[in-house]
Amino acid sequence: MPEKMPTKDPKFFIRFAERSDTPLILSFIKALAEYEHMSDLVVATPEGLAQSIFDEGHAEVLIGEYEGKPVGFALFFHNYSTFLGQSGLYLEDLFIFPEYRGMGLGKIIFAFLAKLALERNCGRMEWWCLDWNKPSIGFYKSLGAQPMDEWTVFRLTGQALSDLAER
């Protein structure tokens, strides 16, 4: 049984995911994709997630449990800032089921991640947010986060990635 770390809410615990949580992680990813109107983009499989997270260590996952029931997750990994000369913590996904939002659980997970980042000597935490997601943007700003409006995100995937690799 994974170790459950208590939080400021006695009904809410955070724990690191284990391999047996892979189907649960995928269900959270699919719920997040549905919320973001991107369900058709999810091609992750339980096998692929288990390999990349638990075998290869490319990411870590936190599971938030309220009264013993999984209600949210955060998937994160380390990046690196050459300007700071330190690792950073990059939050890829954070999702709380809608019926559990507004209870402070997201803030508890963020505080846990901030503490973890400091314990691991990270110089910063970063994440992306869709520009239409006003509730999340407001939440992040309430935590003291600053939007990086002067940066543009670029991505190579699929055929464009393959084509570039062949040059």
Protein backbone atom coordinates (compact mmCIF):
# COMPACT_ATOMS: atom_id res chain seq x y z
CA MET A 1 0.00 0.00 0.00
CA PRO A 2 1.52 3.37 -0.97
CA GLU A 3 2.32 5.83 1.79
CA LYS A 4 -0.42 8.44 2.18
CA MET A 5 0.84 11.86 3.18
CA PRO A 6 -1.60 13.86 5.28
CA THR A 7 -2.50 17.42 4.28
CA LYS A 8 -4.11 20.41 5.99
CA ASP A 9 -7.49 18.83 5.21
CA PRO A 10 -7.82 15.69 7.38
CA LYS A 11 -10.00 14.05 4.72
CA PHE A 12 -7.48 14.64 1.90
CA PHE A 13 -4.29 12.66 1.42
CA ILE A 14 -1.62 12.77 -1.26
CA ARG A 15 0.44 9.80 -2.32
CA PHE A 16 2.91 8.96 -5.06
CA ALA A 17 1.42 6.68 -7.68
CA GLU A 18 2.60 3.13 -8.10
CA ARG A 19 2.57 0.88 -11.17
CA SER A 20 -0.79 -0.60 -10.11
CA ASP A 21 -2.24 2.93 -10.45
CA THR A 22 -1.57 3.03 -14.21
CA PRO A 23 -5.24 2.49 -15.23
CA LEU A 24 -6.26 5.19 -12.73
CA ILE A 25 -3.67 7.59 -14.17
CA LEU A 26 -5.01 6.97 -17.66
CA SER A 27 -8.56 7.60 -16.45
CA PHE A 28 -7.47 10.96 -15.01
CA ILE A 29 -5.71 11.83 -18.29
CA LYS A 30 -8.89 11.02 -20.22
CA ALA A 31 -11.03 13.07 -17.83
CA LEU A 32 -8.65 16.02 -18.22
CA ALA A 33 -8.72 15.67 -22.01
CA GLU A 34 -12.52 15.65 -21.95
CA TYR A 35 -12.54 18.83 -19.84
CA GLU A 36 -10.14 20.46 -22.31
CA HIS A 37 -12.19 19.29 -25.32
CA MET A 38 -9.24 17.21 -26.54
CA SER A 39 -10.38 13.62 -25.98
CA ASP A 40 -9.56 12.71 -29.56
CA LEU A 41 -5.88 13.49 -28.92
CA VAL A 42 -5.37 10.91 -26.16
CA VAL A 43 -3.48 7.95 -27.58
CA ALA A 44 -1.70 6.94 -24.37
CA THR A 45 -2.03 3.30 -23.34
CA PRO A 46 -1.63 1.71 -19.92
CA GLU A 47 1.43 -0.16 -21.18
CA GLY A 48 3.07 2.98 -22.55
CA LEU A 49 2.36 4.97 -19.40
CA ALA A 50 3.70 2.22 -17.15
CA GLN A 51 6.88 1.99 -19.20
CA SER A 52 7.59 5.72 -19.42
CA ILE A 53 6.61 6.57 -15.84
CA PHE A 54 7.59 3.54 -13.79
CA ASP A 55 10.26 1.78 -15.88
CA GLU A 56 12.02 4.73 -17.48
CA GLY A 57 11.26 7.34 -14.79
CA HIS A 58 10.34 10.11 -17.22
CA ALA A 59 7.63 11.49 -14.92
CA GLU A 60 6.14 11.16 -11.47
CA VAL A 61 2.49 11.15 -10.49
CA LEU A 62 0.70 12.23 -7.35
CA ILE A 63 -2.75 10.90 -6.52
CA GLY A 64 -5.05 12.97 -4.34
CA GLU A 65 -7.56 10.99 -2.29
CA TYR A 66 -10.55 12.48 -0.51
CA GLU A 67 -12.11 10.20 2.10
CA GLY A 68 -10.18 7.32 0.54
CA LYS A 69 -11.42 7.96 -3.01
CA PRO A 70 -9.05 9.10 -5.79
CA VAL A 71 -10.29 12.56 -6.84
CA GLY A 72 -7.31 14.18 -8.53
CA PHE A 73 -3.83 13.79 -9.87
CA ALA A 74 -0.72 15.70 -10.83
CA LEU A 75 1.85 14.48 -13.33
CA PHE A 76 5.22 16.25 -13.27
CA PHE A 77 8.87 15.89 -14.20
CA HIS A 78 12.11 17.82 -13.91
CA ASN A 79 13.40 20.23 -16.52
CA TYR A 80 16.47 22.44 -16.40
CA SER A 81 17.09 26.18 -16.50
CA THR A 82 20.45 27.15 -17.93
CA PHE A 83 19.92 30.72 -16.69
CA LEU A 84 19.36 29.56 -13.11
CA GLY A 85 21.78 26.66 -13.37
CA GLN A 86 19.20 24.53 -11.56
CA SER A 87 16.54 21.98 -12.20
CA GLY A 88 12.93 23.02 -12.27
CA LEU A 89 9.72 21.17 -11.65
CA TYR A 90 7.43 21.09 -14.67
CA LEU A 91 3.78 20.30 -14.00
CA GLU A 92 2.38 18.60 -17.09
CA ASP A 93 -1.10 17.87 -15.78
CA LEU A 94 -3.20 18.73 -12.76
CA PHE A 95 -6.79 17.61 -12.59
CA ILE A 96 -9.41 17.48 -9.85
CA PHE A 97 -12.81 15.98 -10.58
CA PRO A 98 -15.35 18.82 -10.94
CA GLU A 99 -17.41 17.80 -7.92
CA TYR A 100 -14.31 18.22 -5.70
CA ARG A 101 -13.22 21.61 -7.02
CA GLY A 102 -13.50 24.68 -4.82
CA MET A 103 -12.52 22.72 -1.71
CA GLY A 104 -8.88 23.83 -1.75
CA LEU A 105 -7.55 20.46 -2.95
CA GLY A 106 -5.75 21.94 -5.97
CA LYS A 107 -4.04 24.45 -3.69
CA ILE A 108 -2.96 21.62 -1.39
CA ILE A 109 -1.44 19.73 -4.33
CA PHE A 110 0.33 22.89 -5.54
CA ALA A 111 1.72 23.51 -2.04
CA PHE A 112 2.94 19.91 -1.90
CA LEU A 113 4.65 20.31 -5.29
CA ALA A 114 6.23 23.62 -4.22
CA LYS A 115 7.63 21.98 -1.09
CA LEU A 116 8.89 19.05 -3.15
CA ALA A 117 10.52 21.44 -5.63
CA LEU A 118 12.36 23.21 -2.82
CA GLU A 119 13.42 19.91 -1.22
CA ARG A 120 14.86 18.87 -4.59
CA ASN A 121 16.67 22.21 -4.99
CA CYS A 122 14.55 23.29 -7.95
CA GLY A 123 14.72 26.94 -8.88
CA ARG A 124 11.16 27.19 -10.17
CA MET A 125 7.90 25.49 -11.06
CA GLU A 126 6.34 25.88 -14.49
CA TRP A 127 3.26 24.71 -16.36
CA TRP A 128 1.10 25.62 -19.32
CA CYS A 129 -2.55 26.59 -19.25
CA LEU A 130 -4.95 26.90 -22.15
CA ASP A 131 -5.79 30.56 -22.69
CA TRP A 132 -9.56 29.95 -22.56
CA ASN A 133 -9.36 28.28 -19.12
CA LYS A 134 -10.18 31.39 -17.09
CA PRO A 135 -10.99 29.53 -13.83
CA SER A 136 -7.53 27.90 -13.82
CA ILE A 137 -5.79 31.13 -14.82
CA GLY A 138 -7.47 32.92 -11.93
CA PHE A 139 -6.52 30.11 -9.57
CA TYR A 140 -2.86 30.18 -10.67
CA LYS A 141 -2.66 33.95 -10.30
CA SER A 142 -4.15 33.65 -6.80
CA LEU A 143 -1.16 31.44 -5.92
CA GLY A 144 1.23 34.18 -7.05
CA ALA A 145 2.06 32.61 -10.42
CA GLN A 146 2.97 34.95 -13.26
CA PRO A 147 1.91 34.28 -16.86
CA MET A 148 4.78 34.13 -19.34
CA ASP A 149 3.02 36.20 -22.02
CA GLU A 150 6.22 37.08 -23.83
CA TRP A 151 6.93 33.45 -24.77
CA THR A 152 5.41 31.42 -27.59
CA VAL A 153 5.22 27.64 -27.24
CA PHE A 154 6.38 25.60 -30.22
CA ARG A 155 5.88 21.89 -30.82
CA LEU A 156 7.04 19.25 -33.29
CA THR A 157 5.07 16.01 -33.46
CA GLY A 158 4.23 13.22 -35.86
CA GLN A 159 5.39 13.67 -39.42
CA ALA A 160 7.03 17.05 -38.81
CA LEU A 161 9.18 15.50 -36.07
CA SER A 162 10.08 12.56 -38.31
CA ASP A 163 10.87 14.82 -41.25
CA LEU A 164 13.20 16.97 -39.19
CA ALA A 165 14.96 13.90 -37.78
CA GLU A 166 15.71 12.80 -41.35
CA ARG A 167 17.48 16.06 -42.31
